[in-house]
Each structure stands twice: as C-alpha cells, then as structure tokens.
Amino acid sequence: MVAPGVKREAGARVVETHGVSQRRACQVLAMDRSSVRYRSVRPDDAEARAAMKAVAAERRRFGYRRIHIMLERQGITMNLKKLRRLYREEKLQVRRRGGRKRALGTRRPMLVPDFPNVRWSLDFVSDALTDGRRFRVLAVVDDYSRECLALVADTSLSGLRVVRELDALIGRRGRLAMVVSDNGTELTSMAVLSWCQHTGVDWHYIAPGKPMRDTGSSRVLTGDCETNS
C-alpha cells in the first residue's frame, strides 16, 4: 500500500466499512488527510489515448517510440515519457517473441495506381560472392510503369541507406505518394519512420511473400527486378 491512490481507496473503505471519521481512518493508516482529499487535475488525454490505440491496432508490433512518431505525424505532440505512461496504462505493450522483431503489415486496402511515379515497391534480394561474402541488392520498382528505378548493391543496407537512396530517386524523378514494402527490420526502422514524417510519403507494409493480398497486383520483386506470377 504505497501509491497515494491505493491509500485513498483504503481510507475510504475503512470509513465506509467501520463507520469511523476520516480523521480516525487517517490516523489508523498513518495517512495525511490532505492526501485523502486530493483530487487529480490531470487531463484524461482521451484524444491522445484513442489515437494511440488506433495506431497500435493498425501496426501491432510498434512500440511506444514508433507510435510517438506516428502521433506526431497526426499533429499530436507530447513528451515521450508521458506517452510511455499512457502506453502502459492502456496495456499496449508488445509481447516479446523469439527471433527477429518485425512490424505486422497494415490492413489498409490500396488502389492500383493510374499514373507512373505514384507508388514504388521496395524489396531486397541477396546473393554471395565467390569468396563466400554475402551481399544484398535493394530493388525499387514503379508499380504502374513496371520500370526498375534503382538497383543498389552493397554488403550492408541499413534504414539510413534506404532513405538516402529514396531521396536521390525523388530528386531525379519528383515526389511520389506511397512506398510499398514488406516488414523487414531495415524498412520498419526509426530512420524510415522519421523520413515518412518529414517527407509526408505514406509507407504501406505487406506481409512477406503475399504481394497480391494487399495490392491487388501479381508483381513480385526478384533478382531480375520483377516478374509476373
């Protein structure tokens, strides 16, 4: 019985059960009467709680730090410590699981683009050199024109490298509306979320290996940049 709220509940129960005065109940429980009479003036933050629960329901593997960025994109700004408190009070903690932690794909349906440079799809392919060293290739495809916009090969492709390559593409081809990718760790990193917040580009996640379910397209990225299934 340490928290003030618990003490207030205990004092009220003693008064109601035993019919003693509030002063007597506070003496028995070694409480200060001002603590019992205190009424919180803290706002309930109903709007922030509702927005936070909506984001958590849509992106179920996002923790409070990533939710903080998503709320800032909606114009809801608050201290990260306060957001963490609300996050814990709403019991939105992500359950730990084995293996790599990945954000689940969103469930928002997408329309097939009618023009080029509206939606780009990203995916990684990998291979090995003759000496056994692994390397990866980032493939970027325009979903309307089927044009391969970029093939970036390196032994390491982090989230920062991905957004840097996207900035270079936007500089050459202009602004786009949406990026589609799976939920790999590089593509759900803080660097990617911050980039979406600053640029206003929507990022749609799909479950790995299921491009047709969310996009309505049979396009799958491969080593040749794309094939039709």
C-alpha atoms as a PDB file:
ATOM      1  CA  MET A   1       0.000   0.000   0.000  1.00  0.00           C
ATOM      2  CA  VAL A   2       2.478   2.590  -1.256  1.00  0.00           C
ATOM      3  CA  ALA A   3       0.809   4.509  -4.065  1.00  0.00           C
ATOM      4  CA  PRO A   4      -1.322   7.507  -2.951  1.00  0.00           C
ATOM      5  CA  GLY A   5      -4.273   6.257  -4.974  1.00  0.00           C
ATOM      6  CA  VAL A   6      -4.206   2.918  -3.131  1.00  0.00           C
ATOM      7  CA  LYS A   7      -4.032   4.713   0.210  1.00  0.00           C
ATOM      8  CA  ARG A   8      -7.043   6.851  -0.671  1.00  0.00           C
ATOM      9  CA  GLU A   9      -9.044   3.756  -1.609  1.00  0.00           C
ATOM     10  CA  ALA A  10      -8.039   2.056   1.664  1.00  0.00           C
ATOM     11  CA  GLY A  11      -9.039   5.101   3.722  1.00  0.00           C
ATOM     12  CA  ALA A  12     -12.432   5.325   2.002  1.00  0.00           C
ATOM     13  CA  ARG A  13     -13.002   1.591   2.612  1.00  0.00           C
ATOM     14  CA  VAL A  14     -12.201   1.949   6.339  1.00  0.00           C
ATOM     15  CA  VAL A  15     -14.640   4.872   6.682  1.00  0.00           C
ATOM     16  CA  GLU A  16     -17.402   3.020   4.843  1.00  0.00           C
ATOM     17  CA  THR A  17     -16.891  -0.370   6.491  1.00  0.00           C
ATOM     18  CA  HIS A  18     -16.317   0.652  10.099  1.00  0.00           C
ATOM     19  CA  GLY A  19     -18.243   3.912  10.199  1.00  0.00           C
ATOM     20  CA  VAL A  20     -15.340   5.933  11.613  1.00  0.00           C
ATOM     21  CA  SER A  21     -14.439   9.502  10.721  1.00  0.00           C
ATOM     22  CA  GLN A  22     -11.987  10.369   8.018  1.00  0.00           C
ATOM     23  CA  ARG A  23      -9.587  11.748  10.645  1.00  0.00           C
ATOM     24  CA  ARG A  24      -9.645   8.486  12.598  1.00  0.00           C
ATOM     25  CA  ALA A  25      -9.126   6.407   9.441  1.00  0.00           C
ATOM     26  CA  CYS A  26      -6.095   8.516   8.507  1.00  0.00           C
ATOM     27  CA  GLN A  27      -4.601   8.041  11.994  1.00  0.00           C
ATOM     28  CA  VAL A  28      -5.023   4.279  11.824  1.00  0.00           C
ATOM     29  CA  LEU A  29      -3.490   4.037   8.344  1.00  0.00           C
ATOM     30  CA  ALA A  30      -0.763   6.653   9.054  1.00  0.00           C
ATOM     31  CA  MET A  31      -2.012   8.845   6.216  1.00  0.00           C
ATOM     32  CA  ASP A  32      -2.141  12.587   5.749  1.00  0.00           C
ATOM     33  CA  ARG A  33      -5.677  13.940   5.359  1.00  0.00           C
ATOM     34  CA  SER A  34      -4.590  16.201   2.503  1.00  0.00           C
ATOM     35  CA  SER A  35      -3.616  13.101   0.542  1.00  0.00           C
ATOM     36  CA  VAL A  36      -7.088  11.627   1.046  1.00  0.00           C
ATOM     37  CA  ARG A  37      -8.846  14.812  -0.010  1.00  0.00           C
ATOM     38  CA  TYR A  38      -6.681  15.353  -3.058  1.00  0.00           C
ATOM     39  CA  ARG A  39      -8.478  15.253  -6.413  1.00  0.00           C
ATOM     40  CA  SER A  40      -6.388  14.887  -9.540  1.00  0.00           C
ATOM     41  CA  VAL A  41      -6.455  17.765 -12.025  1.00  0.00           C
ATOM     42  CA  ARG A  42      -4.540  15.803 -14.658  1.00  0.00           C
ATOM     43  CA  PRO A  43      -6.397  15.710 -18.010  1.00  0.00           C
ATOM     44  CA  ASP A  44      -7.546  12.305 -19.196  1.00  0.00           C
ATOM     45  CA  ASP A  45      -5.949  12.765 -22.661  1.00  0.00           C
ATOM     46  CA  ALA A  46      -8.839  10.929 -24.284  1.00  0.00           C
ATOM     47  CA  GLU A  47      -7.943  12.076 -27.798  1.00  0.00           C
ATOM     48  CA  ALA A  48      -4.311  11.016 -27.481  1.00  0.00           C
ATOM     49  CA  ARG A  49      -5.295   7.663 -25.963  1.00  0.00           C
ATOM     50  CA  ALA A  50      -7.745   6.958 -28.781  1.00  0.00           C
ATOM     51  CA  ALA A  51      -5.196   7.885 -31.478  1.00  0.00           C
ATOM     52  CA  MET A  52      -2.526   5.787 -29.774  1.00  0.00           C
ATOM     53  CA  LYS A  53      -4.809   2.740 -29.602  1.00  0.00           C
ATOM     54  CA  ALA A  54      -5.756   3.194 -33.260  1.00  0.00           C
ATOM     55  CA  VAL A  55      -2.100   3.230 -34.342  1.00  0.00           C
ATOM     56  CA  ALA A  56      -1.295   0.244 -32.106  1.00  0.00           C
ATOM     57  CA  ALA A  57      -4.215  -1.718 -33.581  1.00  0.00           C
ATOM     58  CA  GLU A  58      -3.067  -0.967 -37.124  1.00  0.00           C
ATOM     59  CA  ARG A  59       0.643  -1.599 -36.534  1.00  0.00           C
ATOM     60  CA  ARG A  60       0.630  -4.179 -33.797  1.00  0.00           C
ATOM     61  CA  ARG A  61       4.392  -4.649 -33.453  1.00  0.00           C
ATOM     62  CA  PHE A  62       5.161  -0.951 -32.973  1.00  0.00           C
ATOM     63  CA  GLY A  63       6.412   0.091 -29.542  1.00  0.00           C
ATOM     64  CA  TYR A  64       5.791   3.423 -27.848  1.00  0.00           C
ATOM     65  CA  ARG A  65       8.760   5.133 -29.560  1.00  0.00           C
ATOM     66  CA  ARG A  66       7.458   4.376 -33.052  1.00  0.00           C
ATOM     67  CA  ILE A  67       3.908   5.229 -32.002  1.00  0.00           C
ATOM     68  CA  HIS A  68       5.277   8.576 -30.774  1.00  0.00           C
ATOM     69  CA  ILE A  69       6.495   9.343 -34.305  1.00  0.00           C
ATOM     70  CA  MET A  70       3.188   8.251 -35.844  1.00  0.00           C
ATOM     71  CA  LEU A  71       1.224  10.518 -33.478  1.00  0.00           C
ATOM     72  CA  GLU A  72       3.464  13.472 -34.322  1.00  0.00           C
ATOM     73  CA  ARG A  73       2.549  12.921 -37.988  1.00  0.00           C
ATOM     74  CA  GLN A  74      -1.096  13.354 -36.912  1.00  0.00           C
ATOM     75  CA  GLY A  75      -0.293  16.599 -35.079  1.00  0.00           C
ATOM     76  CA  ILE A  76      -0.462  15.070 -31.575  1.00  0.00           C
ATOM     77  CA  THR A  77       2.684  16.167 -29.740  1.00  0.00           C
ATOM     78  CA  MET A  78       3.599  15.149 -26.215  1.00  0.00           C
ATOM     79  CA  ASN A  79       6.591  14.269 -24.082  1.00  0.00           C
ATOM     80  CA  LEU A  80       7.925  10.760 -24.724  1.00  0.00           C
ATOM     81  CA  LYS A  81       7.744   9.924 -21.007  1.00  0.00           C
ATOM     82  CA  LYS A  82       4.084  10.915 -20.878  1.00  0.00           C
ATOM     83  CA  LEU A  83       3.356   8.831 -23.956  1.00  0.00           C
ATOM     84  CA  ARG A  84       5.052   5.872 -22.335  1.00  0.00           C
ATOM     85  CA  ARG A  85       2.890   6.279 -19.231  1.00  0.00           C
ATOM     86  CA  LEU A  86      -0.302   6.364 -21.312  1.00  0.00           C
ATOM     87  CA  TYR A  87       1.007   3.449 -23.374  1.00  0.00           C
ATOM     88  CA  ARG A  88       1.456   1.345 -20.230  1.00  0.00           C
ATOM     89  CA  GLU A  89      -1.881   2.407 -18.732  1.00  0.00           C
ATOM     90  CA  GLU A  90      -3.654   1.257 -21.905  1.00  0.00           C
ATOM     91  CA  LYS A  91      -1.729  -2.056 -21.721  1.00  0.00           C
ATOM     92  CA  LEU A  92      -0.405  -1.771 -25.272  1.00  0.00           C
ATOM     93  CA  GLN A  93       2.996  -3.297 -24.545  1.00  0.00           C
ATOM     94  CA  VAL A  94       4.195  -5.516 -27.362  1.00  0.00           C
ATOM     95  CA  ARG A  95       4.590  -9.129 -26.283  1.00  0.00           C
ATOM     96  CA  ARG A  96       8.149 -10.360 -26.644  1.00  0.00           C
ATOM     97  CA  ARG A  97       8.683 -13.153 -29.088  1.00  0.00           C
ATOM     98  CA  GLY A  98      11.642 -15.113 -30.327  1.00  0.00           C
ATOM     99  CA  GLY A  99      13.574 -14.327 -33.464  1.00  0.00           C
ATOM    100  CA  ARG A 100      13.646 -11.045 -35.324  1.00  0.00           C
ATOM    101  CA  LYS A 101      11.093  -8.461 -34.279  1.00  0.00           C
ATOM    102  CA  ARG A 102       9.081  -7.181 -37.187  1.00  0.00           C
ATOM    103  CA  ALA A 103       6.067  -4.936 -37.520  1.00  0.00           C
ATOM    104  CA  LEU A 104       2.996  -6.672 -38.912  1.00  0.00           C
ATOM    105  CA  GLY A 105       1.651  -5.364 -42.198  1.00  0.00           C
ATOM    106  CA  THR A 106      -1.129  -2.815 -42.181  1.00  0.00           C
ATOM    107  CA  ARG A 107      -4.635  -3.846 -43.191  1.00  0.00           C
ATOM    108  CA  ARG A 108      -5.482  -0.766 -45.256  1.00  0.00           C
ATOM    109  CA  PRO A 109      -6.516  -1.635 -48.835  1.00  0.00           C
ATOM    110  CA  MET A 110      -4.636   0.072 -51.676  1.00  0.00           C
ATOM    111  CA  LEU A 111      -5.772   1.020 -55.138  1.00  0.00           C
ATOM    112  CA  VAL A 112      -3.758   0.180 -58.230  1.00  0.00           C
ATOM    113  CA  PRO A 113      -2.029   3.409 -59.394  1.00  0.00           C
ATOM    114  CA  ASP A 114      -3.249   5.027 -62.616  1.00  0.00           C
ATOM    115  CA  PHE A 115      -0.100   7.022 -63.323  1.00  0.00           C
ATOM    116  CA  PRO A 116       3.656   6.488 -63.064  1.00  0.00           C
ATOM    117  CA  ASN A 117       5.604   7.862 -60.124  1.00  0.00           C
ATOM    118  CA  VAL A 118       2.657   7.378 -57.732  1.00  0.00           C
ATOM    119  CA  ARG A 119       3.646   4.189 -55.900  1.00  0.00           C
ATOM    120  CA  TRP A 120       7.011   2.464 -55.665  1.00  0.00           C
ATOM    121  CA  SER A 121       7.676  -1.051 -54.383  1.00  0.00           C
ATOM    122  CA  LEU A 122      10.847  -1.952 -52.492  1.00  0.00           C
ATOM    123  CA  ASP A 123      12.382  -5.338 -51.831  1.00  0.00           C
ATOM    124  CA  PHE A 124      15.753  -6.915 -51.075  1.00  0.00           C
ATOM    125  CA  VAL A 125      17.436  -9.758 -52.934  1.00  0.00           C
ATOM    126  CA  SER A 126      20.665 -11.374 -51.806  1.00  0.00           C
ATOM    127  CA  ASP A 127      23.498 -13.494 -53.145  1.00  0.00           C
ATOM    128  CA  ALA A 128      27.074 -14.423 -52.324  1.00  0.00           C
ATOM    129  CA  LEU A 129      30.439 -13.644 -53.909  1.00  0.00           C
ATOM    130  CA  THR A 130      32.904 -16.345 -54.910  1.00  0.00           C
ATOM    131  CA  ASP A 131      34.763 -15.885 -51.606  1.00  0.00           C
ATOM    132  CA  GLY A 132      31.552 -16.549 -49.638  1.00  0.00           C
ATOM    133  CA  ARG A 133      30.789 -12.985 -48.614  1.00  0.00           C
ATOM    134  CA  ARG A 134      27.086 -12.146 -48.709  1.00  0.00           C
ATOM    135  CA  PHE A 135      25.690  -9.020 -50.363  1.00  0.00           C
ATOM    136  CA  ARG A 136      22.209  -7.602 -50.846  1.00  0.00           C
ATOM    137  CA  VAL A 137      20.510  -5.623 -53.590  1.00  0.00           C
ATOM    138  CA  LEU A 138      17.776  -3.059 -52.943  1.00  0.00           C
ATOM    139  CA  ALA A 139      15.313  -3.079 -55.854  1.00  0.00           C
ATOM    140  CA  VAL A 140      12.924  -0.161 -56.409  1.00  0.00           C
ATOM    141  CA  VAL A 141      10.112  -0.578 -58.982  1.00  0.00           C
ATOM    142  CA  ASP A 142       7.393   1.780 -60.194  1.00  0.00           C
ATOM    143  CA  ASP A 143       4.130  -0.175 -59.747  1.00  0.00           C
ATOM    144  CA  TYR A 144       2.433   1.440 -62.767  1.00  0.00           C
ATOM    145  CA  SER A 145       5.122   1.533 -65.445  1.00  0.00           C
ATOM    146  CA  ARG A 146       6.888  -1.629 -64.199  1.00  0.00           C
ATOM    147  CA  GLU A 147      10.138   0.298 -64.586  1.00  0.00           C
ATOM    148  CA  CYS A 148      13.065  -0.636 -62.376  1.00  0.00           C
ATOM    149  CA  LEU A 149      14.083   2.681 -60.845  1.00  0.00           C
ATOM    150  CA  ALA A 150      17.121   1.527 -58.882  1.00  0.00           C
ATOM    151  CA  LEU A 151      19.254  -1.494 -58.036  1.00  0.00           C
ATOM    152  CA  VAL A 152      21.526  -0.690 -55.102  1.00  0.00           C
ATOM    153  CA  ALA A 153      24.044  -3.409 -54.186  1.00  0.00           C
ATOM    154  CA  ASP A 154      26.111  -3.441 -51.007  1.00  0.00           C
ATOM    155  CA  THR A 155      27.196  -5.736 -48.209  1.00  0.00           C
ATOM    156  CA  SER A 156      25.132  -3.665 -45.762  1.00  0.00           C
ATOM    157  CA  LEU A 157      21.906  -1.766 -46.495  1.00  0.00           C
ATOM    158  CA  SER A 158      20.561  -0.077 -43.381  1.00  0.00           C
ATOM    159  CA  GLY A 159      17.419   2.012 -42.975  1.00  0.00           C
ATOM    160  CA  LEU A 160      19.507   5.185 -43.290  1.00  0.00           C
ATOM    161  CA  ARG A 161      20.926   3.936 -46.603  1.00  0.00           C
ATOM    162  CA  VAL A 162      17.415   3.113 -47.865  1.00  0.00           C
ATOM    163  CA  VAL A 163      16.060   6.614 -47.193  1.00  0.00           C
ATOM    164  CA  ARG A 164      19.187   8.173 -48.696  1.00  0.00           C
ATOM    165  CA  GLU A 165      18.632   6.244 -51.918  1.00  0.00           C
ATOM    166  CA  LEU A 166      14.942   7.221 -51.912  1.00  0.00           C
ATOM    167  CA  ASP A 167      15.872  10.890 -51.512  1.00  0.00           C
ATOM    168  CA  ALA A 168      18.194  10.566 -54.505  1.00  0.00           C
ATOM    169  CA  LEU A 169      15.409   8.988 -56.577  1.00  0.00           C
ATOM    170  CA  ILE A 170      12.924  11.692 -55.591  1.00  0.00           C
ATOM    171  CA  GLY A 171      15.486  14.312 -56.557  1.00  0.00           C
ATOM    172  CA  ARG A 172      15.658  12.832 -60.073  1.00  0.00           C
ATOM    173  CA  ARG A 173      12.023  11.814 -60.627  1.00  0.00           C
ATOM    174  CA  GLY A 174       9.981  14.030 -58.322  1.00  0.00           C
ATOM    175  CA  ARG A 175       7.761  13.410 -55.331  1.00  0.00           C
ATOM    176  CA  LEU A 176       5.706  10.227 -55.012  1.00  0.00           C
ATOM    177  CA  ALA A 177       2.655   9.340 -52.908  1.00  0.00           C
ATOM    178  CA  MET A 178       3.362   5.890 -51.461  1.00  0.00           C
ATOM    179  CA  VAL A 179       6.052   3.299 -50.891  1.00  0.00           C
ATOM    180  CA  VAL A 180       5.208  -0.409 -50.521  1.00  0.00           C
ATOM    181  CA  SER A 181       7.489  -2.949 -48.850  1.00  0.00           C
ATOM    182  CA  ASP A 182       7.483  -5.939 -46.558  1.00  0.00           C
ATOM    183  CA  ASN A 183       8.061  -5.563 -42.819  1.00  0.00           C
ATOM    184  CA  GLY A 184      11.807  -6.202 -42.682  1.00  0.00           C
ATOM    185  CA  THR A 185      13.752  -4.602 -39.853  1.00  0.00           C
ATOM    186  CA  GLU A 186      15.519  -2.112 -42.146  1.00  0.00           C
ATOM    187  CA  LEU A 187      12.190  -0.948 -43.581  1.00  0.00           C
ATOM    188  CA  THR A 188      10.476  -0.522 -40.193  1.00  0.00           C
ATOM    189  CA  SER A 189      13.408   1.275 -38.572  1.00  0.00           C
ATOM    190  CA  MET A 190      13.268   4.655 -36.867  1.00  0.00           C
ATOM    191  CA  ALA A 191      15.122   6.144 -39.840  1.00  0.00           C
ATOM    192  CA  VAL A 192      12.314   5.114 -42.222  1.00  0.00           C
ATOM    193  CA  LEU A 193       9.555   6.323 -39.891  1.00  0.00           C
ATOM    194  CA  SER A 194      11.280   9.685 -39.409  1.00  0.00           C
ATOM    195  CA  TRP A 195      11.727  10.004 -43.178  1.00  0.00           C
ATOM    196  CA  CYS A 196       7.991   9.390 -43.738  1.00  0.00           C
ATOM    197  CA  GLN A 197       7.177  12.008 -41.122  1.00  0.00           C
ATOM    198  CA  HIS A 198       9.409  14.649 -42.718  1.00  0.00           C
ATOM    199  CA  THR A 199       8.512  13.954 -46.340  1.00  0.00           C
ATOM    200  CA  GLY A 200       4.799  13.136 -45.924  1.00  0.00           C
ATOM    201  CA  VAL A 201       5.150   9.991 -48.065  1.00  0.00           C
ATOM    202  CA  ASP A 202       2.871   7.136 -46.998  1.00  0.00           C
ATOM    203  CA  TRP A 203       4.556   3.788 -46.343  1.00  0.00           C
ATOM    204  CA  HIS A 204       2.423   0.649 -46.698  1.00  0.00           C
ATOM    205  CA  TYR A 205       3.633  -2.640 -45.208  1.00  0.00           C
ATOM    206  CA  ILE A 206       2.575  -6.033 -46.521  1.00  0.00           C
ATOM    207  CA  ALA A 207       3.190  -9.478 -45.096  1.00  0.00           C
ATOM    208  CA  PRO A 208       6.301 -11.143 -46.592  1.00  0.00           C
ATOM    209  CA  GLY A 209       5.560 -13.271 -49.635  1.00  0.00           C
ATOM    210  CA  LYS A 210       1.979 -12.010 -50.080  1.00  0.00           C
ATOM    211  CA  PRO A 211       2.031  -9.052 -52.502  1.00  0.00           C
ATOM    212  CA  MET A 212      -1.307  -9.969 -54.131  1.00  0.00           C
ATOM    213  CA  ARG A 213      -3.299  -9.877 -50.908  1.00  0.00           C
ATOM    214  CA  ASP A 214      -2.756  -6.173 -50.191  1.00  0.00           C
ATOM    215  CA  THR A 215      -2.008  -4.576 -53.531  1.00  0.00           C
ATOM    216  CA  GLY A 216      -4.194  -6.492 -55.956  1.00  0.00           C
ATOM    217  CA  SER A 217      -1.136  -6.918 -58.165  1.00  0.00           C
ATOM    218  CA  SER A 218       0.677 -10.074 -59.158  1.00  0.00           C
ATOM    219  CA  ARG A 219       4.038  -8.331 -59.242  1.00  0.00           C
ATOM    220  CA  VAL A 220       6.850  -9.888 -57.205  1.00  0.00           C
ATOM    221  CA  LEU A 221      10.362  -8.456 -56.964  1.00  0.00           C
ATOM    222  CA  THR A 222      13.080 -10.916 -57.964  1.00  0.00           C
ATOM    223  CA  GLY A 223      16.704 -10.858 -58.970  1.00  0.00           C
ATOM    224  CA  ASP A 224      15.679  -9.544 -62.394  1.00  0.00           C
ATOM    225  CA  CYS A 225      13.927  -6.704 -60.577  1.00  0.00           C
ATOM    226  CA  GLU A 226      10.415  -8.043 -61.251  1.00  0.00           C
ATOM    227  CA  THR A 227       8.433 -10.936 -62.663  1.00  0.00           C
ATOM    228  CA  ASN A 228       4.735 -11.668 -63.092  1.00  0.00           C
ATOM    229  CA  SER A 229       3.212 -14.553 -61.180  1.00  0.00           C
END
